[in-house]
Amino acid sequence: MAAAARFGPPIALMGLIFFLSAQPQLGPDLGGLDLALRKLAHMIEYGLLFLLWRRALPQSPPWTAAAIAIGYAATDEIHQSFVDGRHGTPVDVMIDSAGVAVTWLAMRRLSVRRSG
């Protein structure tokens, strides 16, 4: 697989995450449901980032893709701490990491089913 096809998707998603993190406010705050949906979206986007890095690095162990995704989550929170109207928190890194973990577990479960 060509390098652009392998590395383009995860790098593009990282660029999108950076762009969205640079926005002072992403929309109106609609309360608790809004907060829950935003956190779920974070879990999904970092789970997807993990999958894209797994695809880009097929010979590497899964923890490599997990480390890249979680490391990027940490740098994203640092980035947000410099954006007016935003703040970065370790709790958000944990939420993003949970998305990576859930995706990794689902991936393992699916691969066990296919091989069994």
C-alpha atoms as a PDB file:
ATOM      1  CA  MET A   1       0.000   0.000   0.000  1.00  0.00           C
ATOM      2  CA  ALA A   2       1.358   3.434  -0.907  1.00  0.00           C
ATOM      3  CA  ALA A   3       2.477   5.673   1.948  1.00  0.00           C
ATOM      4  CA  ALA A   4      -0.130   8.335   1.130  1.00  0.00           C
ATOM      5  CA  ALA A   5      -2.932   5.770   1.288  1.00  0.00           C
ATOM      6  CA  ARG A   6      -1.640   4.414   4.593  1.00  0.00           C
ATOM      7  CA  PHE A   7      -0.675   7.598   6.399  1.00  0.00           C
ATOM      8  CA  GLY A   8      -2.994  10.130   4.756  1.00  0.00           C
ATOM      9  CA  PRO A   9      -6.196   9.149   6.611  1.00  0.00           C
ATOM     10  CA  PRO A  10      -4.819   9.251  10.180  1.00  0.00           C
ATOM     11  CA  ILE A  11      -2.901  12.461   9.494  1.00  0.00           C
ATOM     12  CA  ALA A  12      -6.002  14.027   7.918  1.00  0.00           C
ATOM     13  CA  LEU A  13      -8.076  13.094  10.985  1.00  0.00           C
ATOM     14  CA  MET A  14      -5.406  14.583  13.227  1.00  0.00           C
ATOM     15  CA  GLY A  15      -5.564  17.770  11.156  1.00  0.00           C
ATOM     16  CA  LEU A  16      -9.345  17.884  11.520  1.00  0.00           C
ATOM     17  CA  ILE A  17      -9.075  17.389  15.283  1.00  0.00           C
ATOM     18  CA  PHE A  18      -6.491  20.208  15.459  1.00  0.00           C
ATOM     19  CA  PHE A  19      -8.742  22.510  13.411  1.00  0.00           C
ATOM     20  CA  LEU A  20     -11.783  21.801  15.585  1.00  0.00           C
ATOM     21  CA  SER A  21      -9.735  22.255  18.758  1.00  0.00           C
ATOM     22  CA  ALA A  22      -8.657  25.688  17.545  1.00  0.00           C
ATOM     23  CA  GLN A  23     -12.264  26.918  17.429  1.00  0.00           C
ATOM     24  CA  PRO A  24     -13.190  29.113  20.412  1.00  0.00           C
ATOM     25  CA  GLN A  25     -16.671  27.552  20.614  1.00  0.00           C
ATOM     26  CA  LEU A  26     -18.103  24.747  18.523  1.00  0.00           C
ATOM     27  CA  GLY A  27     -21.747  25.587  19.076  1.00  0.00           C
ATOM     28  CA  PRO A  28     -24.318  26.282  21.730  1.00  0.00           C
ATOM     29  CA  ASP A  29     -24.139  24.430  25.015  1.00  0.00           C
ATOM     30  CA  LEU A  30     -27.368  22.485  25.337  1.00  0.00           C
ATOM     31  CA  GLY A  31     -26.743  21.122  28.825  1.00  0.00           C
ATOM     32  CA  GLY A  32     -26.019  17.624  30.071  1.00  0.00           C
ATOM     33  CA  LEU A  33     -27.119  15.778  26.951  1.00  0.00           C
ATOM     34  CA  ASP A  34     -24.931  18.033  24.828  1.00  0.00           C
ATOM     35  CA  LEU A  35     -21.958  17.335  27.090  1.00  0.00           C
ATOM     36  CA  ALA A  36     -22.551  13.574  26.947  1.00  0.00           C
ATOM     37  CA  LEU A  37     -22.852  13.603  23.153  1.00  0.00           C
ATOM     38  CA  ARG A  38     -19.653  15.643  22.799  1.00  0.00           C
ATOM     39  CA  LYS A  39     -17.744  13.221  25.029  1.00  0.00           C
ATOM     40  CA  LEU A  40     -19.139  10.267  23.052  1.00  0.00           C
ATOM     41  CA  ALA A  41     -18.016  11.977  19.838  1.00  0.00           C
ATOM     42  CA  HIS A  42     -14.514  12.318  21.326  1.00  0.00           C
ATOM     43  CA  MET A  43     -14.445   8.617  22.160  1.00  0.00           C
ATOM     44  CA  ILE A  44     -15.513   7.753  18.622  1.00  0.00           C
ATOM     45  CA  GLU A  45     -13.006  10.070  16.942  1.00  0.00           C
ATOM     46  CA  TYR A  46     -10.074   8.747  18.981  1.00  0.00           C
ATOM     47  CA  GLY A  47     -11.239   5.161  18.462  1.00  0.00           C
ATOM     48  CA  LEU A  48     -11.241   5.889  14.733  1.00  0.00           C
ATOM     49  CA  LEU A  49      -7.791   7.480  14.991  1.00  0.00           C
ATOM     50  CA  PHE A  50      -6.544   4.279  16.663  1.00  0.00           C
ATOM     51  CA  LEU A  51      -8.027   2.159  13.853  1.00  0.00           C
ATOM     52  CA  LEU A  52      -6.499   4.370  11.169  1.00  0.00           C
ATOM     53  CA  TRP A  53      -3.063   4.115  12.780  1.00  0.00           C
ATOM     54  CA  ARG A  54      -3.489   0.314  13.088  1.00  0.00           C
ATOM     55  CA  ARG A  55      -4.188   0.236   9.356  1.00  0.00           C
ATOM     56  CA  ALA A  56      -1.196   2.493   8.624  1.00  0.00           C
ATOM     57  CA  LEU A  57       1.162   0.414  10.779  1.00  0.00           C
ATOM     58  CA  PRO A  58       0.068  -3.205  10.183  1.00  0.00           C
ATOM     59  CA  GLN A  59       3.408  -4.734  11.246  1.00  0.00           C
ATOM     60  CA  SER A  60       3.488  -2.842  14.550  1.00  0.00           C
ATOM     61  CA  PRO A  61       1.822  -4.072  17.720  1.00  0.00           C
ATOM     62  CA  PRO A  62      -1.558  -2.482  18.517  1.00  0.00           C
ATOM     63  CA  TRP A  63      -0.129  -0.549  21.442  1.00  0.00           C
ATOM     64  CA  THR A  64       1.873   1.549  18.966  1.00  0.00           C
ATOM     65  CA  ALA A  65      -1.315   2.858  17.360  1.00  0.00           C
ATOM     66  CA  ALA A  66      -2.869   3.277  20.815  1.00  0.00           C
ATOM     67  CA  ALA A  67       0.138   5.270  22.028  1.00  0.00           C
ATOM     68  CA  ILE A  68      -0.017   7.570  18.998  1.00  0.00           C
ATOM     69  CA  ALA A  69      -3.754   8.184  19.443  1.00  0.00           C
ATOM     70  CA  ILE A  70      -3.520   8.756  23.206  1.00  0.00           C
ATOM     71  CA  GLY A  71      -0.408  10.886  22.832  1.00  0.00           C
ATOM     72  CA  TYR A  72      -2.253  13.008  20.306  1.00  0.00           C
ATOM     73  CA  ALA A  73      -5.191  13.301  22.715  1.00  0.00           C
ATOM     74  CA  ALA A  74      -2.792  14.703  25.327  1.00  0.00           C
ATOM     75  CA  THR A  75      -1.275  17.210  22.906  1.00  0.00           C
ATOM     76  CA  ASP A  76      -4.776  18.195  21.776  1.00  0.00           C
ATOM     77  CA  GLU A  77      -5.711  19.082  25.350  1.00  0.00           C
ATOM     78  CA  ILE A  78      -2.537  21.149  25.693  1.00  0.00           C
ATOM     79  CA  HIS A  79      -3.419  22.892  22.420  1.00  0.00           C
ATOM     80  CA  GLN A  80      -6.934  23.651  23.672  1.00  0.00           C
ATOM     81  CA  SER A  81      -5.526  25.289  26.801  1.00  0.00           C
ATOM     82  CA  PHE A  82      -4.121  28.044  24.557  1.00  0.00           C
ATOM     83  CA  VAL A  83      -7.407  28.671  22.689  1.00  0.00           C
ATOM     84  CA  ASP A  84      -9.699  31.413  24.008  1.00  0.00           C
ATOM     85  CA  GLY A  85     -12.930  29.940  25.322  1.00  0.00           C
ATOM     86  CA  ARG A  86     -11.498  26.404  25.545  1.00  0.00           C
ATOM     87  CA  HIS A  87      -9.636  24.496  28.204  1.00  0.00           C
ATOM     88  CA  GLY A  88      -7.739  21.262  28.286  1.00  0.00           C
ATOM     89  CA  THR A  89      -8.199  18.673  31.011  1.00  0.00           C
ATOM     90  CA  PRO A  90      -6.669  15.323  31.928  1.00  0.00           C
ATOM     91  CA  VAL A  91     -10.236  13.982  32.212  1.00  0.00           C
ATOM     92  CA  ASP A  92     -10.728  14.604  28.489  1.00  0.00           C
ATOM     93  CA  VAL A  93      -7.542  12.644  27.743  1.00  0.00           C
ATOM     94  CA  MET A  94      -8.987   9.785  29.805  1.00  0.00           C
ATOM     95  CA  ILE A  95     -12.262   9.957  27.844  1.00  0.00           C
ATOM     96  CA  ASP A  96     -10.352   9.902  24.551  1.00  0.00           C
ATOM     97  CA  SER A  97      -8.238   7.004  25.860  1.00  0.00           C
ATOM     98  CA  ALA A  98     -11.412   5.130  26.762  1.00  0.00           C
ATOM     99  CA  GLY A  99     -12.459   5.447  23.123  1.00  0.00           C
ATOM    100  CA  VAL A 100      -9.155   3.889  22.080  1.00  0.00           C
ATOM    101  CA  ALA A 101      -9.529   1.096  24.645  1.00  0.00           C
ATOM    102  CA  VAL A 102     -13.126   0.262  23.694  1.00  0.00           C
ATOM    103  CA  THR A 103     -12.188   0.188  20.016  1.00  0.00           C
ATOM    104  CA  TRP A 104      -9.147  -2.006  20.673  1.00  0.00           C
ATOM    105  CA  LEU A 105     -11.244  -4.447  22.715  1.00  0.00           C
ATOM    106  CA  ALA A 106     -13.944  -4.539  20.027  1.00  0.00           C
ATOM    107  CA  MET A 107     -11.293  -5.142  17.379  1.00  0.00           C
ATOM    108  CA  ARG A 108      -9.832  -8.031  19.406  1.00  0.00           C
ATOM    109  CA  ARG A 109     -13.257  -9.527  20.007  1.00  0.00           C
ATOM    110  CA  LEU A 110     -14.081  -9.406  16.293  1.00  0.00           C
ATOM    111  CA  SER A 111     -10.757 -11.003  15.357  1.00  0.00           C
ATOM    112  CA  VAL A 112     -11.338 -13.831  17.867  1.00  0.00           C
ATOM    113  CA  ARG A 113     -14.783 -14.496  16.399  1.00  0.00           C
ATOM    114  CA  ARG A 114     -13.385 -14.608  12.861  1.00  0.00           C
ATOM    115  CA  SER A 115     -10.594 -17.015  13.793  1.00  0.00           C
ATOM    116  CA  GLY A 116     -12.793 -19.210  15.991  1.00  0.00           C
END
